[in-house]
Protein backbone atom coordinates (compact mmCIF):
# COMPACT_ATOMS: atom_id res chain seq x y z
CA MET A 1 8.44 -47.20 46.89
CA MET A 2 6.61 -47.33 50.10
CA LEU A 3 6.89 -45.40 53.25
CA GLN A 4 7.70 -46.57 56.71
CA SER A 5 5.47 -46.40 59.30
CA HIS A 6 8.26 -45.31 62.02
CA SER A 7 9.85 -42.21 62.74
CA ARG A 8 13.64 -43.19 61.90
CA PHE A 9 14.88 -40.43 64.06
CA LEU A 10 12.43 -41.24 67.12
CA LEU A 11 12.99 -45.47 66.21
CA GLN A 12 17.06 -44.14 66.37
CA THR A 13 16.87 -41.80 69.86
CA LEU A 14 14.78 -45.09 71.44
CA LEU A 15 17.27 -47.49 70.96
CA THR A 16 20.07 -45.69 71.75
CA ARG A 17 18.16 -44.52 75.09
CA ALA A 18 17.78 -48.37 76.08
CA GLN A 19 21.30 -49.32 75.13
CA ASN A 20 23.02 -47.33 77.18
CA LEU A 21 20.06 -46.49 80.53
CA ASP A 22 23.90 -46.71 83.01
CA LYS A 23 24.50 -43.64 81.57
CA ALA A 24 22.16 -40.74 83.25
CA VAL A 25 22.08 -38.76 80.29
CA GLU A 26 19.49 -35.91 80.40
CA LEU A 27 17.23 -36.02 76.76
CA ASP A 28 15.14 -32.92 75.46
CA TYR A 29 14.29 -33.49 71.57
CA GLN A 30 11.65 -31.55 69.27
CA TRP A 31 11.39 -32.06 66.06
CA ILE A 32 8.58 -32.15 62.95
CA GLU A 33 8.18 -34.53 60.65
CA PHE A 34 6.50 -34.24 57.11
CA ASP A 35 2.83 -33.99 57.80
CA ASP A 36 3.34 -31.26 60.63
CA VAL A 37 3.30 -34.11 63.04
CA ARG A 38 5.50 -32.87 66.04
CA TYR A 39 7.50 -35.08 68.58
CA HIS A 40 9.15 -34.26 71.72
CA VAL A 41 11.32 -36.99 73.89
CA GLN A 42 12.52 -36.35 77.23
CA VAL A 43 14.55 -37.95 79.65
CA THR A 44 15.93 -36.10 82.98
CA ILE A 45 19.04 -37.10 85.27
CA LYS A 46 17.22 -37.50 87.69
CA ASN A 47 14.83 -40.28 86.28
CA PRO A 48 16.78 -41.92 83.28
CA ASN A 49 14.55 -44.86 82.92
CA ILE A 50 11.65 -42.69 82.48
CA LEU A 51 10.91 -41.62 78.92
CA LEU A 52 8.45 -39.14 77.86
CA LEU A 53 6.87 -39.17 74.68
CA SER A 54 4.27 -36.33 73.27
CA VAL A 55 3.37 -36.01 70.12
CA SER A 56 1.18 -32.84 68.71
CA LEU A 57 -1.10 -33.21 65.76
CA PRO A 58 -2.15 -30.62 63.39
CA ASN A 59 -5.81 -28.91 63.93
CA PRO A 60 -7.80 -31.14 62.70
CA PRO A 61 -10.70 -29.17 60.16
CA PRO A 62 -14.42 -29.20 61.02
CA GLU A 63 -15.54 -32.07 59.03
CA ALA A 64 -12.95 -34.17 60.10
CA MET A 65 -13.91 -37.06 63.17
CA SER A 66 -12.12 -35.99 66.21
CA PHE A 67 -12.04 -36.21 70.11
CA ASP A 68 -10.09 -33.70 72.27
CA GLY A 69 -7.82 -33.09 69.44
CA LEU A 70 -7.16 -36.80 68.72
CA PRO A 71 -8.58 -39.00 65.78
CA LEU A 72 -11.59 -41.10 67.05
CA GLY A 73 -10.09 -44.66 68.57
CA ALA A 74 -7.09 -43.15 69.23
CA ILE A 75 -6.88 -43.89 72.86
CA GLU A 76 -8.36 -47.50 72.23
CA ALA A 77 -5.79 -47.70 69.69
CA ILE A 78 -2.97 -46.41 71.60
CA LYS A 79 -4.43 -49.16 74.79
CA THR A 80 -4.65 -52.32 72.00
CA THR A 81 -1.55 -51.46 70.25
CA TYR A 82 1.23 -51.11 73.49
CA GLY A 83 -1.27 -52.77 76.11
CA THR A 84 0.11 -52.00 79.51
CA GLY A 85 3.83 -51.38 78.94
CA PHE A 86 3.07 -47.34 78.48
CA GLN A 87 1.07 -44.57 80.54
CA ILE A 88 -1.11 -42.07 78.85
CA LEU A 89 -0.97 -39.20 80.82
CA ASP A 90 -3.87 -36.88 81.27
CA PRO A 91 -3.74 -34.27 80.49
CA PRO A 92 -0.66 -34.42 78.04
CA ARG A 93 2.35 -31.91 78.15
CA ASP A 94 1.14 -28.68 77.32
CA GLY A 95 0.90 -27.62 73.59
CA PHE A 96 0.42 -31.39 72.43
CA SER A 97 -2.03 -33.94 71.86
CA LEU A 98 -1.02 -36.89 73.55
CA THR A 99 1.74 -38.08 75.72
CA LEU A 100 3.06 -41.58 76.61
CA LYS A 101 5.20 -42.38 79.74
CA LEU A 102 7.73 -45.32 79.25
CA ASN A 103 8.99 -46.74 81.90
CA PHE A 104 12.16 -48.29 80.59
CA SER A 105 12.80 -50.43 84.15
CA LYS A 106 9.70 -52.53 83.38
CA VAL A 107 10.47 -53.25 80.08
CA ARG A 108 11.32 -57.02 79.44
CA PRO A 109 15.55 -57.56 79.19
CA ASP A 110 14.74 -59.13 76.25
CA GLU A 111 16.66 -57.56 73.04
CA ALA A 112 14.25 -59.04 70.34
CA TYR A 113 11.11 -57.87 72.37
CA ARG A 114 12.50 -54.49 73.41
CA ASN A 115 13.28 -53.50 69.69
CA SER A 116 9.96 -54.84 68.68
CA LEU A 117 8.41 -52.85 71.30
CA LEU A 118 9.94 -49.56 70.68
CA THR A 119 9.17 -49.88 66.78
CA LYS A 120 5.51 -49.92 67.74
CA LEU A 121 6.11 -46.76 69.80
CA ALA A 122 8.35 -44.99 66.44
CA SER A 123 4.92 -45.75 64.84
CA ILE A 124 3.20 -43.96 67.11
CA ARG A 125 1.63 -41.86 64.06
CA GLU A 126 0.68 -44.69 62.68
CA VAL A 127 -1.29 -46.26 65.35
CA VAL A 128 -2.76 -42.86 66.05
CA MET A 129 -3.91 -41.02 62.60
CA GLY A 130 -4.76 -44.25 61.13
CA ALA A 131 -7.25 -45.68 63.68
CA PRO A 132 -10.33 -43.83 62.92
CA LEU A 133 -10.01 -45.59 59.37
CA LYS A 134 -8.82 -48.73 61.03
CA ILE A 135 -12.26 -48.51 62.80
CA ILE A 136 -13.93 -48.47 59.67
CA LEU A 137 -12.18 -51.19 57.62
CA LYS A 138 -12.51 -53.70 60.98
CA HIS A 139 -15.98 -53.41 60.34
CA LEU A 140 -16.15 -54.10 56.74
CA ALA A 141 -13.64 -57.35 57.49
CA SER A 142 -16.92 -58.62 58.87
CA ARG A 143 -18.97 -57.24 56.80
CA THR A 144 -20.61 -54.70 58.87
CA VAL A 145 -20.45 -50.96 59.10
CA ALA A 146 -20.05 -48.88 62.52
CA PRO A 147 -23.49 -47.90 64.09
CA GLU A 148 -22.42 -44.19 64.79
CA LEU A 149 -21.09 -43.92 61.19
CA ASP A 150 -22.30 -40.83 58.88
CA ARG A 151 -22.80 -42.14 55.38
CA LEU A 152 -19.91 -39.59 54.31
CA VAL A 153 -16.87 -39.61 56.70
CA ALA A 154 -13.72 -37.26 56.93
CA ILE A 155 -10.71 -38.23 58.04
CA MET A 156 -7.43 -35.76 58.50
CA HIS A 157 -4.24 -36.80 56.94
CA ARG A 158 -2.16 -33.41 56.26
CA PRO A 159 -2.69 -29.89 57.72
CA ASN A 160 -6.37 -28.72 57.04
CA GLU A 161 -6.68 -31.46 54.51
CA THR A 162 -8.61 -34.57 54.34
CA PHE A 163 -10.16 -37.20 52.38
CA PHE A 164 -13.57 -38.88 52.53
CA LEU A 165 -14.83 -42.71 53.20
CA VAL A 166 -18.16 -44.47 51.98
CA PRO A 167 -18.18 -47.25 54.46
CA GLN A 168 -20.98 -49.92 53.32
CA ALA A 169 -20.95 -53.63 54.57
CA ASP A 170 -19.68 -55.41 51.36
CA LYS A 171 -17.20 -52.16 50.56
CA VAL A 172 -15.50 -48.91 51.34
CA THR A 173 -14.81 -45.90 49.09
CA VAL A 174 -12.09 -43.79 49.59
CA ALA A 175 -11.61 -40.84 47.76
CA PHE A 176 -8.52 -38.25 47.95
CA PRO A 177 -8.85 -34.67 46.52
CA MET A 178 -5.00 -34.12 45.41
CA ARG A 179 -4.46 -30.60 45.86
CA PHE A 180 -0.90 -29.57 45.29
CA LYS A 181 0.79 -25.59 45.86
CA ASP A 182 3.77 -25.66 43.01
CA SER A 183 2.12 -25.67 39.20
CA VAL A 184 5.08 -28.21 37.95
CA ASP A 185 4.40 -30.36 40.57
CA THR A 186 0.56 -30.27 40.08
CA ILE A 187 1.22 -30.91 36.44
CA LEU A 188 3.49 -33.97 37.12
CA ALA A 189 0.88 -35.12 39.85
CA THR A 190 -1.77 -35.42 37.88
CA SER A 191 0.03 -37.42 34.43
CA PHE A 192 1.54 -39.66 37.74
CA LEU A 193 -1.99 -40.48 38.76
CA LYS A 194 -3.33 -40.96 35.18
CA GLN A 195 -0.75 -43.46 35.11
CA PHE A 196 -0.78 -45.14 38.37
CA VAL A 197 -4.56 -45.62 37.59
CA GLU A 198 -3.82 -46.91 34.13
CA ALA A 199 -1.18 -49.33 35.56
CA ARG A 200 -3.81 -50.74 37.82
CA ARG A 201 -5.38 -52.25 34.81
CA ALA A 202 -2.42 -54.99 34.17
CA ALA A 203 -3.40 -58.67 34.83
CA SER A 204 -0.69 -59.05 37.66
CA LEU A 205 -2.69 -56.60 39.63
CA SER A 206 -5.75 -57.53 38.95
CA SER A 207 -6.25 -58.10 42.75
CA ALA A 208 -5.63 -54.78 43.89
CA PRO A 209 -8.33 -52.40 44.75
CA SER A 210 -10.36 -51.13 41.43
CA CYS A 211 -8.63 -47.44 41.40
CA SER A 212 -9.99 -44.21 39.36
CA TRP A 213 -9.13 -40.75 38.45
CA SER A 214 -11.04 -37.64 37.53
CA PRO A 215 -10.65 -33.62 37.37
CA THR A 216 -13.51 -33.13 38.91
CA ALA A 217 -15.63 -34.95 42.42
CA PRO A 218 -16.31 -38.43 42.12
CA GLN A 219 -20.64 -38.47 42.77
CA GLU A 220 -19.61 -40.49 46.42
CA LEU A 221 -18.55 -36.75 47.60
CA GLU A 222 -21.81 -35.85 47.12
CA GLY A 223 -22.60 -33.87 50.45
CA ALA A 224 -19.39 -33.13 50.91
CA PRO A 225 -18.05 -29.33 52.41
CA LYS A 226 -17.79 -27.22 49.19
CA GLU A 227 -14.70 -25.92 50.16
CA THR A 228 -12.75 -29.41 50.74
CA LEU A 229 -13.16 -30.49 47.12
CA SER A 230 -10.89 -27.92 45.39
CA ALA A 231 -8.26 -30.37 44.07
CA ASN A 232 -5.90 -28.89 41.25
CA ALA A 233 -4.72 -32.66 40.78
CA GLY A 234 -8.10 -34.43 40.53
CA PHE A 235 -9.53 -36.72 42.58
CA VAL A 236 -8.65 -40.86 43.47
CA THR A 237 -10.76 -42.91 44.33
CA PHE A 238 -10.44 -46.62 45.54
CA VAL A 239 -12.66 -49.05 46.87
CA ILE A 240 -11.51 -51.54 49.25
CA MET A 241 -12.90 -54.82 49.13
CA PRO A 242 -13.52 -57.22 52.54
CA ARG A 243 -10.40 -59.31 51.19
CA HIS A 244 -8.27 -56.36 51.31
CA VAL A 245 -8.58 -56.12 54.76
CA GLU A 246 -8.19 -59.76 55.74
CA GLY A 247 -5.86 -60.27 58.22
CA GLU A 248 -2.34 -58.72 58.37
CA LYS A 249 -3.63 -56.97 55.23
CA LEU A 250 -5.25 -54.46 57.06
CA ASP A 251 -2.37 -52.86 59.01
CA ARG A 252 -0.76 -52.34 56.03
CA THR A 253 -4.35 -51.29 54.01
CA VAL A 254 -4.84 -48.70 56.78
CA TRP A 255 -1.22 -47.32 56.18
CA ASN A 256 -1.18 -46.98 52.98
CA LEU A 257 -4.46 -45.17 52.64
CA SER A 258 -3.18 -42.69 55.33
CA THR A 259 -0.20 -41.87 53.68
CA PHE A 260 -1.32 -42.08 49.95
CA HIS A 261 -1.21 -38.14 49.29
CA ALA A 262 2.56 -38.48 50.48
CA TYR A 263 3.62 -41.28 48.36
CA VAL A 264 2.38 -39.21 45.26
CA SER A 265 4.01 -36.58 46.84
CA TYR A 266 7.22 -38.77 47.34
CA HIS A 267 7.76 -39.76 43.33
CA VAL A 268 7.00 -36.35 42.60
CA LYS A 269 9.74 -35.02 43.60
CA CYS A 270 11.62 -37.49 42.90
CA SER A 271 10.40 -36.93 39.08
CA GLU A 272 11.56 -33.24 39.33
CA GLY A 273 15.13 -34.28 40.66
CA PHE A 274 15.72 -37.01 37.63
CA MET A 275 14.36 -34.12 35.15
CA HIS A 276 16.87 -31.63 36.82
CA THR A 277 19.52 -34.20 36.48
CA ARG A 278 18.79 -34.85 33.36
CA MET A 279 18.95 -31.63 32.24
CA ARG A 280 22.32 -30.33 33.99
CA ARG A 281 24.06 -33.25 32.49
CA ARG A 282 22.65 -32.41 28.87
CA VAL A 283 24.02 -28.87 29.65
CA GLU A 284 27.45 -29.94 30.83
CA SER A 285 28.01 -32.14 27.53
CA MET A 286 27.11 -29.15 25.77
CA ILE A 287 29.40 -26.75 27.28
CA GLN A 288 32.07 -30.04 27.06
CA ALA A 289 31.70 -29.97 23.61
CA LEU A 290 31.89 -26.31 22.92
CA ASP A 291 35.06 -26.25 24.83
CA GLN A 292 36.50 -29.19 22.60
CA ALA A 293 35.82 -27.48 19.58
CA LYS A 294 38.75 -26.06 17.50
CA PRO A 295 38.78 -22.72 15.45
CA LEU A 296 38.00 -23.85 11.65
CA GLU A 297 40.92 -22.76 9.64
CA LYS A 298 39.79 -19.12 7.55
CA THR A 299 38.70 -19.99 3.88
CA ARG A 300 37.39 -17.14 1.07
CA SER A 301 35.46 -18.23 -1.43
CA MET A 302 35.54 -16.17 -4.82
CA ASN A 303 33.80 -17.45 -8.76
CA ASN A 304 33.13 -20.70 -7.09
CA LYS A 305 36.67 -21.19 -5.91
CA SER A 306 38.08 -21.57 -2.41
CA PHE A 307 41.60 -20.87 -1.49
CA LYS A 308 44.09 -19.82 1.51
CA ARG A 309 44.75 -15.86 2.33
CA LEU A 310 48.10 -16.00 1.52
CA GLY A 311 51.47 -14.93 3.46
CA LEU A 312 53.80 -12.43 2.49
CA ASN A 313 56.73 -14.85 1.35
CA ASP A 314 54.10 -16.59 -0.61
CA ALA A 315 53.09 -13.25 -2.81
CA ASN A 316 56.65 -12.14 -3.54
CA HIS A 317 57.17 -15.66 -4.76
CA THR A 318 53.69 -15.79 -6.98
CA THR A 319 54.83 -12.12 -8.47
CA SER A 320 58.34 -13.28 -9.52
CA ASN A 321 56.51 -16.65 -11.33
């Protein structure tokens, strides 16, 4: 199962607001999603057609590429994706990395167009966080390398965590240090990743990017800061070829790589939940079996013979005989 690129709660909020523009309702929602991305949606009664969406990203580690708190190429990606339908506020709202202004009165009334536009807006995390990765993979599609990039590029994908890319004209090597706080999660993730790599060898997946796992940092990460190479679940490496980023494949590849750690974490938690469910069912069946068990009739054995305990009347009858 792959994760959806849009925020479900944000999309629901946007669609609900778009369907009730005739109602002057004040909105002030704040929430945090799985990778510590904080959202803030505001609508005032004074300007019911104006919606402000603010986004706060995790502080990038020193090795990650960022400018003014945003990943490389984020502003250009926003302009390309949303066109002139949105205004980028400069500076953004206090405490946020980015604020977008949407005027519903300037959005075409066509419902299909409006829903498509709002779905794109609900995917703001993908657009912003995936911007540097998209730049590198776009150059791969044209078999070039961006001149301003270093040999080893670090991209933030989780709070204080990065993954690494080695861009070349004919391929891009992507390496993920896999870290987990819980010891059980670490064991399950290591087993899952080994099986993940093994599954890639199937004939039906021959066109997928090559994938490898190793307990130590691969050679491609030579020169990376030492503190970024601590990984208790090993390292996963993908090799992306130009055919993997052609046409519509580009956006899907960017999203899948950007959320790979979240994808693994999701399946680890599902596996853990499944095992807990099986254990509970087993315990419940054992308790049920114990509850249904009947006490066995007491017996004695003497001289290799067994006999029942006799009652008083039975004993008198035996004596009289």
